[in-house]
Amino acid sequence: MTEPVYEIFAVKYAHHDRRASENFIGGDPHDVPMPLDYFIWAIRGGGRVWALDTGFDAAMAKKRQREFLGDPGEKLRAIGIDASKVEDVIISHMHYDHCGNYGLFPNARFHLQDREMAYCTGRCMCHPAMRMAFEADDVAQMVRRVHDGRVQFHDGESELAPGITLHHVGGHTMGLQFVRVRTRRGWVVLASDASHFYANMEQGRPFPIVYNVADMLAGHAKCYALASSRAHVIPGHDPLVLKRYPAAAPGLEGSVVRLDVDPVV
């Protein structure tokens, strides 16, 4: 039996201007502009679609002073994906920019690491510095999904389907997980916030929002080890992703790109 291979799409829905000094522990001596792009990801193959993360909505963008570029559900429709029919959503971690948009996948089951739920509902959230990237309403919504029978918890590594695996790394948060996907160009790792930028992992310079620095650095190495090459690891917020990979369809340039094909640069 032939093992399935998958298409992967990165869907940009928001943007935030920042300086390089904000993106590395210890700052950056050049301190040039180094903005964040915000993505969700879709994995399609074998007659099914999986989503990685849900992003945030326009109201949260206003609250957090981010530039909202449009409903990611509309961008998914542009590539033939109906969010209401997606059955499985992987939540990499519970920061506001990865688990909001409550209504985006109304019929999905959500996949989350045990340690992430323990983290965002436990004693670490007593400290403002630790809870700054979480939203209480997002956490409460996930608790409601648990009680509705819509959350599947994972402890470490899991196989969601042949060719799609989850891997706990921690670092950025206690329960951060990334996704490994078999594609026609090899194994692609969707790192999410295991590394915000290519530069974080390539240079060994961690992003400053972090639960455990040692785990974050080990997470960079784990992403590389599980991908077919270093070029197969996709960071979570780097605008370079949109430059390195082709548009998913005409008219989607700079908005939705394919990650299962070779980079264009």
C-alpha atoms as a PDB file:
ATOM      1  CA  MET A   1       0.000   0.000   0.000  1.00  0.00           C
ATOM      2  CA  THR A   2       1.354   3.409  -0.975  1.00  0.00           C
ATOM      3  CA  GLU A   3       1.905   5.743   1.973  1.00  0.00           C
ATOM      4  CA  PRO A   4       0.056   9.060   1.573  1.00  0.00           C
ATOM      5  CA  VAL A   5       1.846  12.300   0.819  1.00  0.00           C
ATOM      6  CA  TYR A   6       0.357  15.649   1.692  1.00  0.00           C
ATOM      7  CA  GLU A   7       0.042  19.202   0.465  1.00  0.00           C
ATOM      8  CA  ILE A   8       0.843  21.912   3.035  1.00  0.00           C
ATOM      9  CA  PHE A   9      -0.310  25.509   2.944  1.00  0.00           C
ATOM     10  CA  ALA A  10       0.874  28.476   5.026  1.00  0.00           C
ATOM     11  CA  VAL A  11      -1.926  31.036   5.368  1.00  0.00           C
ATOM     12  CA  LYS A  12      -0.917  34.532   6.449  1.00  0.00           C
ATOM     13  CA  TYR A  13      -3.661  36.453   8.250  1.00  0.00           C
ATOM     14  CA  ALA A  14      -1.901  39.200  10.256  1.00  0.00           C
ATOM     15  CA  HIS A  15       1.315  41.204  10.579  1.00  0.00           C
ATOM     16  CA  HIS A  16       3.222  43.125  13.241  1.00  0.00           C
ATOM     17  CA  ASP A  17       6.160  45.492  12.792  1.00  0.00           C
ATOM     18  CA  ARG A  18       9.017  44.847  15.231  1.00  0.00           C
ATOM     19  CA  ARG A  19      12.726  45.457  15.601  1.00  0.00           C
ATOM     20  CA  ALA A  20      15.354  42.721  15.542  1.00  0.00           C
ATOM     21  CA  SER A  21      16.261  43.525  19.148  1.00  0.00           C
ATOM     22  CA  GLU A  22      12.823  42.219  20.183  1.00  0.00           C
ATOM     23  CA  ASN A  23      13.309  38.831  18.532  1.00  0.00           C
ATOM     24  CA  PHE A  24      16.435  37.502  20.244  1.00  0.00           C
ATOM     25  CA  ILE A  25      17.446  36.982  23.845  1.00  0.00           C
ATOM     26  CA  GLY A  26      20.097  39.627  24.443  1.00  0.00           C
ATOM     27  CA  GLY A  27      18.825  41.805  21.610  1.00  0.00           C
ATOM     28  CA  ASP A  28      20.554  42.376  18.298  1.00  0.00           C
ATOM     29  CA  PRO A  29      23.449  44.781  17.624  1.00  0.00           C
ATOM     30  CA  HIS A  30      22.013  45.838  14.255  1.00  0.00           C
ATOM     31  CA  ASP A  31      18.422  46.320  15.464  1.00  0.00           C
ATOM     32  CA  VAL A  32      16.987  46.529  11.962  1.00  0.00           C
ATOM     33  CA  PRO A  33      13.284  46.091  11.189  1.00  0.00           C
ATOM     34  CA  MET A  34      12.307  42.423  11.654  1.00  0.00           C
ATOM     35  CA  PRO A  35       8.520  42.059  11.530  1.00  0.00           C
ATOM     36  CA  LEU A  36       6.355  39.115  12.477  1.00  0.00           C
ATOM     37  CA  ASP A  37       3.894  37.475  10.120  1.00  0.00           C
ATOM     38  CA  TYR A  38       1.067  35.417  11.610  1.00  0.00           C
ATOM     39  CA  PHE A  39       0.046  32.119  10.019  1.00  0.00           C
ATOM     40  CA  ILE A  40      -2.198  29.161  10.304  1.00  0.00           C
ATOM     41  CA  TRP A  41      -1.336  26.027   8.315  1.00  0.00           C
ATOM     42  CA  ALA A  42      -3.417  23.461   6.440  1.00  0.00           C
ATOM     43  CA  ILE A  43      -2.400  19.886   5.585  1.00  0.00           C
ATOM     44  CA  ARG A  44      -4.359  18.115   2.847  1.00  0.00           C
ATOM     45  CA  GLY A  45      -4.138  14.567   1.558  1.00  0.00           C
ATOM     46  CA  GLY A  46      -5.742  11.158   1.589  1.00  0.00           C
ATOM     47  CA  GLY A  47      -9.172  12.722   1.322  1.00  0.00           C
ATOM     48  CA  ARG A  48      -8.791  14.694   4.574  1.00  0.00           C
ATOM     49  CA  VAL A  49      -7.665  18.071   5.840  1.00  0.00           C
ATOM     50  CA  TRP A  50      -5.880  18.869   9.086  1.00  0.00           C
ATOM     51  CA  ALA A  51      -5.286  22.399  10.374  1.00  0.00           C
ATOM     52  CA  LEU A  52      -2.422  23.578  12.547  1.00  0.00           C
ATOM     53  CA  ASP A  53      -3.479  26.443  14.832  1.00  0.00           C
ATOM     54  CA  THR A  54      -6.423  28.810  14.512  1.00  0.00           C
ATOM     55  CA  GLY A  55      -4.901  32.290  14.813  1.00  0.00           C
ATOM     56  CA  PHE A  56      -6.791  35.286  16.192  1.00  0.00           C
ATOM     57  CA  ASP A  57      -9.618  37.480  14.962  1.00  0.00           C
ATOM     58  CA  ALA A  58     -10.005  41.201  14.194  1.00  0.00           C
ATOM     59  CA  ALA A  59     -11.048  42.062  17.744  1.00  0.00           C
ATOM     60  CA  MET A  60      -7.925  40.452  19.192  1.00  0.00           C
ATOM     61  CA  ALA A  61      -5.778  42.159  16.577  1.00  0.00           C
ATOM     62  CA  LYS A  62      -7.125  45.501  17.783  1.00  0.00           C
ATOM     63  CA  LYS A  63      -6.566  44.587  21.432  1.00  0.00           C
ATOM     64  CA  ARG A  64      -2.999  43.420  20.779  1.00  0.00           C
ATOM     65  CA  GLN A  65      -2.257  46.182  18.235  1.00  0.00           C
ATOM     66  CA  ARG A  66      -1.604  43.827  15.350  1.00  0.00           C
ATOM     67  CA  GLU A  67      -2.458  44.423  11.698  1.00  0.00           C
ATOM     68  CA  PHE A  68      -5.282  42.062  10.746  1.00  0.00           C
ATOM     69  CA  LEU A  69      -5.223  41.133   7.069  1.00  0.00           C
ATOM     70  CA  GLY A  70      -8.412  39.132   6.760  1.00  0.00           C
ATOM     71  CA  ASP A  71     -10.340  36.102   7.916  1.00  0.00           C
ATOM     72  CA  PRO A  72      -8.147  33.015   7.459  1.00  0.00           C
ATOM     73  CA  GLY A  73     -11.316  31.047   6.729  1.00  0.00           C
ATOM     74  CA  GLU A  74     -11.765  33.036   3.526  1.00  0.00           C
ATOM     75  CA  LYS A  75      -8.179  32.337   2.529  1.00  0.00           C
ATOM     76  CA  LEU A  76      -8.760  28.623   3.118  1.00  0.00           C
ATOM     77  CA  ARG A  77     -11.816  28.751   0.865  1.00  0.00           C
ATOM     78  CA  ALA A  78      -9.617  30.214  -1.870  1.00  0.00           C
ATOM     79  CA  ILE A  79      -7.676  26.924  -1.921  1.00  0.00           C
ATOM     80  CA  GLY A  80     -10.765  24.745  -1.703  1.00  0.00           C
ATOM     81  CA  ILE A  81     -10.863  24.128   2.045  1.00  0.00           C
ATOM     82  CA  ASP A  82     -14.111  24.607   3.985  1.00  0.00           C
ATOM     83  CA  ALA A  83     -13.145  25.227   7.616  1.00  0.00           C
ATOM     84  CA  SER A  84     -16.545  24.004   8.813  1.00  0.00           C
ATOM     85  CA  LYS A  85     -15.731  20.544   7.421  1.00  0.00           C
ATOM     86  CA  VAL A  86     -12.258  20.218   8.945  1.00  0.00           C
ATOM     87  CA  GLU A  87     -12.372  17.397  11.477  1.00  0.00           C
ATOM     88  CA  ASP A  88      -9.001  17.771  13.213  1.00  0.00           C
ATOM     89  CA  VAL A  89      -7.125  20.862  14.399  1.00  0.00           C
ATOM     90  CA  ILE A  90      -3.686  20.670  15.995  1.00  0.00           C
ATOM     91  CA  ILE A  91      -2.963  23.401  18.541  1.00  0.00           C
ATOM     92  CA  SER A  92       0.780  23.925  18.735  1.00  0.00           C
ATOM     93  CA  HIS A  93       0.409  25.884  21.978  1.00  0.00           C
ATOM     94  CA  MET A  94      -2.091  28.093  23.759  1.00  0.00           C
ATOM     95  CA  HIS A  95      -0.718  31.581  23.086  1.00  0.00           C
ATOM     96  CA  TYR A  96      -3.373  33.997  21.853  1.00  0.00           C
ATOM     97  CA  ASP A  97      -2.109  34.033  18.255  1.00  0.00           C
ATOM     98  CA  HIS A  98      -2.378  30.267  17.874  1.00  0.00           C
ATOM     99  CA  CYS A  99      -5.660  29.255  19.524  1.00  0.00           C
ATOM    100  CA  GLY A 100      -8.203  32.070  19.050  1.00  0.00           C
ATOM    101  CA  ASN A 101     -10.875  32.390  16.328  1.00  0.00           C
ATOM    102  CA  TYR A 102     -13.316  30.228  18.283  1.00  0.00           C
ATOM    103  CA  GLY A 103     -15.767  29.794  15.427  1.00  0.00           C
ATOM    104  CA  LEU A 104     -13.298  29.055  12.641  1.00  0.00           C
ATOM    105  CA  PHE A 105     -13.428  25.244  12.902  1.00  0.00           C
ATOM    106  CA  PRO A 106     -16.848  24.589  14.487  1.00  0.00           C
ATOM    107  CA  ASN A 107     -16.902  20.829  13.976  1.00  0.00           C
ATOM    108  CA  ALA A 108     -13.290  19.936  14.663  1.00  0.00           C
ATOM    109  CA  ARG A 109     -11.587  17.914  17.346  1.00  0.00           C
ATOM    110  CA  PHE A 110      -8.572  19.683  18.855  1.00  0.00           C
ATOM    111  CA  HIS A 111      -5.200  18.035  19.523  1.00  0.00           C
ATOM    112  CA  LEU A 112      -3.199  19.431  22.451  1.00  0.00           C
ATOM    113  CA  GLN A 113      -0.326  18.307  24.639  1.00  0.00           C
ATOM    114  CA  ASP A 114      -1.199  17.417  28.253  1.00  0.00           C
ATOM    115  CA  ARG A 115       1.582  19.687  29.473  1.00  0.00           C
ATOM    116  CA  GLU A 116       0.246  22.703  27.603  1.00  0.00           C
ATOM    117  CA  MET A 117      -3.155  22.517  29.289  1.00  0.00           C
ATOM    118  CA  ALA A 118      -1.453  22.032  32.651  1.00  0.00           C
ATOM    119  CA  TYR A 119       0.754  25.047  31.938  1.00  0.00           C
ATOM    120  CA  CYS A 120      -1.950  27.501  30.877  1.00  0.00           C
ATOM    121  CA  THR A 121      -4.290  26.557  33.746  1.00  0.00           C
ATOM    122  CA  GLY A 122      -1.704  26.048  36.484  1.00  0.00           C
ATOM    123  CA  ARG A 123       0.522  27.940  38.862  1.00  0.00           C
ATOM    124  CA  CYS A 124       2.767  29.424  36.164  1.00  0.00           C
ATOM    125  CA  MET A 125      -0.130  31.679  35.172  1.00  0.00           C
ATOM    126  CA  CYS A 126       0.080  33.377  38.597  1.00  0.00           C
ATOM    127  CA  HIS A 127       3.032  35.344  37.176  1.00  0.00           C
ATOM    128  CA  PRO A 128       2.234  38.213  34.770  1.00  0.00           C
ATOM    129  CA  ALA A 129       5.454  37.637  32.838  1.00  0.00           C
ATOM    130  CA  MET A 130       4.426  34.036  32.122  1.00  0.00           C
ATOM    131  CA  ARG A 131       0.807  34.709  31.176  1.00  0.00           C
ATOM    132  CA  MET A 132       1.350  37.792  29.004  1.00  0.00           C
ATOM    133  CA  ALA A 133       0.920  35.886  25.726  1.00  0.00           C
ATOM    134  CA  PHE A 134      -2.152  33.975  26.880  1.00  0.00           C
ATOM    135  CA  GLU A 135      -5.775  35.137  26.824  1.00  0.00           C
ATOM    136  CA  ALA A 136      -8.026  33.853  29.601  1.00  0.00           C
ATOM    137  CA  ASP A 137     -10.978  33.593  27.220  1.00  0.00           C
ATOM    138  CA  ASP A 138      -8.967  31.368  24.855  1.00  0.00           C
ATOM    139  CA  VAL A 139      -8.007  29.081  27.727  1.00  0.00           C
ATOM    140  CA  ALA A 140     -11.592  28.954  28.976  1.00  0.00           C
ATOM    141  CA  GLN A 141     -12.826  28.086  25.484  1.00  0.00           C
ATOM    142  CA  MET A 142     -10.428  25.153  25.328  1.00  0.00           C
ATOM    143  CA  VAL A 143     -11.655  23.957  28.727  1.00  0.00           C
ATOM    144  CA  ARG A 144     -15.211  24.077  27.364  1.00  0.00           C
ATOM    145  CA  ARG A 145     -14.115  21.964  24.403  1.00  0.00           C
ATOM    146  CA  VAL A 146     -12.649  19.429  26.822  1.00  0.00           C
ATOM    147  CA  HIS A 147     -16.016  19.159  28.554  1.00  0.00           C
ATOM    148  CA  ASP A 148     -17.762  18.921  25.185  1.00  0.00           C
ATOM    149  CA  GLY A 149     -15.592  15.935  24.251  1.00  0.00           C
ATOM    150  CA  ARG A 150     -13.785  17.841  21.495  1.00  0.00           C
ATOM    151  CA  VAL A 151     -10.163  17.672  22.719  1.00  0.00           C
ATOM    152  CA  GLN A 152      -7.730  14.807  22.299  1.00  0.00           C
ATOM    153  CA  PHE A 153      -4.699  15.075  24.550  1.00  0.00           C
ATOM    154  CA  HIS A 154      -1.230  13.834  23.664  1.00  0.00           C
ATOM    155  CA  ASP A 155       1.789  13.074  25.815  1.00  0.00           C
ATOM    156  CA  GLY A 156       4.923  13.510  23.746  1.00  0.00           C
ATOM    157  CA  GLU A 157       4.969  11.958  20.278  1.00  0.00           C
ATOM    158  CA  SER A 158       1.827  10.776  18.478  1.00  0.00           C
ATOM    159  CA  GLU A 159       0.872   9.675  14.986  1.00  0.00           C
ATOM    160  CA  LEU A 160      -2.306  11.396  13.789  1.00  0.00           C
ATOM    161  CA  ALA A 161      -2.337   9.542  10.484  1.00  0.00           C
ATOM    162  CA  PRO A 162       0.234   7.787   8.297  1.00  0.00           C
ATOM    163  CA  GLY A 163       2.676  10.555   7.426  1.00  0.00           C
ATOM    164  CA  ILE A 164       1.534  13.091  10.077  1.00  0.00           C
ATOM    165  CA  THR A 165       3.140  13.036  13.525  1.00  0.00           C
ATOM    166  CA  LEU A 166       3.133  15.340  16.554  1.00  0.00           C
ATOM    167  CA  HIS A 167       6.252  16.014  18.632  1.00  0.00           C
ATOM    168  CA  HIS A 168       6.501  17.738  22.002  1.00  0.00           C
ATOM    169  CA  VAL A 169       9.429  20.147  22.374  1.00  0.00           C
ATOM    170  CA  GLY A 170       8.466  22.694  25.031  1.00  0.00           C
ATOM    171  CA  GLY A 171      10.807  25.676  25.230  1.00  0.00           C
ATOM    172  CA  HIS A 172       8.602  28.556  24.123  1.00  0.00           C
ATOM    173  CA  THR A 173       5.839  27.138  26.331  1.00  0.00           C
ATOM    174  CA  MET A 174       5.771  24.052  28.514  1.00  0.00           C
ATOM    175  CA  GLY A 175       3.667  22.030  26.106  1.00  0.00           C
ATOM    176  CA  LEU A 176       4.644  23.347  22.686  1.00  0.00           C
ATOM    177  CA  GLN A 177       4.397  20.745  19.918  1.00  0.00           C
ATOM    178  CA  PHE A 178       5.339  20.758  16.244  1.00  0.00           C
ATOM    179  CA  VAL A 179       4.105  18.710  13.293  1.00  0.00           C
ATOM    180  CA  ARG A 180       6.050  16.481  10.904  1.00  0.00           C
ATOM    181  CA  VAL A 181       4.426  15.844   7.515  1.00  0.00           C
ATOM    182  CA  ARG A 182       5.368  13.543   4.654  1.00  0.00           C
ATOM    183  CA  THR A 183       5.272  15.415   1.333  1.00  0.00           C
ATOM    184  CA  ARG A 184       6.433  14.735  -2.205  1.00  0.00           C
ATOM    185  CA  ARG A 185       9.660  16.620  -1.436  1.00  0.00           C
ATOM    186  CA  GLY A 186      10.314  14.734   1.805  1.00  0.00           C
ATOM    187  CA  TRP A 187       9.561  15.230   5.473  1.00  0.00           C
ATOM    188  CA  VAL A 188       8.555  18.821   6.257  1.00  0.00           C
ATOM    189  CA  VAL A 189       8.520  20.075   9.860  1.00  0.00           C
ATOM    190  CA  LEU A 190       6.012  22.795  10.698  1.00  0.00           C
ATOM    191  CA  ALA A 191       7.904  24.172  13.671  1.00  0.00           C
ATOM    192  CA  SER A 192       5.347  26.768  14.732  1.00  0.00           C
ATOM    193  CA  ASP A 193       6.965  28.647  17.625  1.00  0.00           C
ATOM    194  CA  ALA A 194       9.696  26.111  18.240  1.00  0.00           C
ATOM    195  CA  SER A 195      11.445  28.792  16.169  1.00  0.00           C
ATOM    196  CA  HIS A 196       9.778  32.070  15.263  1.00  0.00           C
ATOM    197  CA  PHE A 197      12.328  32.943  12.559  1.00  0.00           C
ATOM    198  CA  TYR A 198      14.831  31.054  10.452  1.00  0.00           C
ATOM    199  CA  ALA A 199      17.489  33.106  12.240  1.00  0.00           C
ATOM    200  CA  ASN A 200      16.517  31.875  15.711  1.00  0.00           C
ATOM    201  CA  MET A 201      17.336  28.262  14.879  1.00  0.00           C
ATOM    202  CA  GLU A 202      20.065  28.852  12.287  1.00  0.00           C
ATOM    203  CA  GLN A 203      22.051  31.084  14.643  1.00  0.00           C
ATOM    204  CA  GLY A 204      21.143  29.415  17.948  1.00  0.00           C
ATOM    205  CA  ARG A 205      19.684  32.679  19.245  1.00  0.00           C
ATOM    206  CA  PRO A 206      16.405  31.986  21.063  1.00  0.00           C
ATOM    207  CA  PHE A 207      13.267  34.096  20.856  1.00  0.00           C
ATOM    208  CA  PRO A 208      12.798  35.990  24.157  1.00  0.00           C
ATOM    209  CA  ILE A 209       9.304  34.752  25.081  1.00  0.00           C
ATOM    210  CA  VAL A 210      10.340  31.445  26.584  1.00  0.00           C
ATOM    211  CA  TYR A 211       9.467  28.981  29.338  1.00  0.00           C
ATOM    212  CA  ASN A 212      12.784  27.089  29.201  1.00  0.00           C
ATOM    213  CA  VAL A 213      15.757  28.239  27.137  1.00  0.00           C
ATOM    214  CA  ALA A 214      17.539  24.873  27.159  1.00  0.00           C
ATOM    215  CA  ASP A 215      14.405  23.153  25.868  1.00  0.00           C
ATOM    216  CA  MET A 216      14.010  25.788  23.165  1.00  0.00           C
ATOM    217  CA  LEU A 217      17.547  25.200  21.899  1.00  0.00           C
ATOM    218  CA  ALA A 218      17.057  21.432  22.037  1.00  0.00           C
ATOM    219  CA  GLY A 219      13.820  21.962  20.112  1.00  0.00           C
ATOM    220  CA  HIS A 220      15.706  23.606  17.245  1.00  0.00           C
ATOM    221  CA  ALA A 221      17.896  20.520  16.988  1.00  0.00           C
ATOM    222  CA  LYS A 222      14.891  18.191  17.164  1.00  0.00           C
ATOM    223  CA  CYS A 223      13.157  20.027  14.319  1.00  0.00           C
ATOM    224  CA  TYR A 224      16.241  19.661  12.148  1.00  0.00           C
ATOM    225  CA  ALA A 225      16.689  15.996  13.082  1.00  0.00           C
ATOM    226  CA  LEU A 226      13.156  15.046  12.039  1.00  0.00           C
ATOM    227  CA  ALA A 227      13.091  16.977   8.746  1.00  0.00           C
ATOM    228  CA  SER A 228      14.542  15.745   5.462  1.00  0.00           C
ATOM    229  CA  SER A 229      16.953  18.700   5.551  1.00  0.00           C
ATOM    230  CA  ARG A 230      17.289  22.034   7.303  1.00  0.00           C
ATOM    231  CA  ALA A 231      15.484  23.600   4.357  1.00  0.00           C
ATOM    232  CA  HIS A 232      12.463  21.439   5.221  1.00  0.00           C
ATOM    233  CA  VAL A 233      11.883  23.192   8.583  1.00  0.00           C
ATOM    234  CA  ILE A 234       9.295  26.003   8.482  1.00  0.00           C
ATOM    235  CA  PRO A 235       9.447  28.607  11.277  1.00  0.00           C
ATOM    236  CA  GLY A 236       6.308  30.032  12.811  1.00  0.00           C
ATOM    237  CA  HIS A 237       6.412  33.755  12.073  1.00  0.00           C
ATOM    238  CA  ASP A 238       9.072  34.537   9.474  1.00  0.00           C
ATOM    239  CA  PRO A 239       8.032  36.721   6.479  1.00  0.00           C
ATOM    240  CA  LEU A 240      10.747  34.920   4.493  1.00  0.00           C
ATOM    241  CA  VAL A 241       8.415  31.913   4.243  1.00  0.00           C
ATOM    242  CA  LEU A 242       6.248  33.867   1.807  1.00  0.00           C
ATOM    243  CA  LYS A 243       9.300  34.777  -0.278  1.00  0.00           C
ATOM    244  CA  ARG A 244      10.811  31.300  -0.347  1.00  0.00           C
ATOM    245  CA  TYR A 245       7.705  29.349  -1.360  1.00  0.00           C
ATOM    246  CA  PRO A 246       5.316  29.735  -4.301  1.00  0.00           C
ATOM    247  CA  ALA A 247       1.761  31.005  -4.084  1.00  0.00           C
ATOM    248  CA  ALA A 248      -0.869  28.310  -3.712  1.00  0.00           C
ATOM    249  CA  ALA A 249      -2.831  29.763  -6.630  1.00  0.00           C
ATOM    250  CA  PRO A 250      -2.778  32.847  -8.839  1.00  0.00           C
ATOM    251  CA  GLY A 251      -3.858  35.885  -6.858  1.00  0.00           C
ATOM    252  CA  LEU A 252      -2.654  34.466  -3.531  1.00  0.00           C
ATOM    253  CA  GLU A 253       0.899  35.782  -3.779  1.00  0.00           C
ATOM    254  CA  GLY A 254       2.099  37.011  -0.392  1.00  0.00           C
ATOM    255  CA  SER A 255      -0.917  35.453   1.290  1.00  0.00           C
ATOM    256  CA  VAL A 256      -1.080  31.652   0.883  1.00  0.00           C
ATOM    257  CA  VAL A 257       1.943  29.558  -0.158  1.00  0.00           C
ATOM    258  CA  ARG A 258       2.672  25.874  -0.781  1.00  0.00           C
ATOM    259  CA  LEU A 259       5.231  24.249   1.523  1.00  0.00           C
ATOM    260  CA  ASP A 260       5.182  20.758   0.014  1.00  0.00           C
ATOM    261  CA  VAL A 261       7.008  21.939  -3.108  1.00  0.00           C
ATOM    262  CA  ASP A 262      10.601  23.080  -3.508  1.00  0.00           C
ATOM    263  CA  PRO A 263      11.449  26.640  -2.460  1.00  0.00           C
ATOM    264  CA  VAL A 264      11.655  29.183  -5.262  1.00  0.00           C
ATOM    265  CA  VAL A 265      14.625  30.993  -3.661  1.00  0.00           C
END
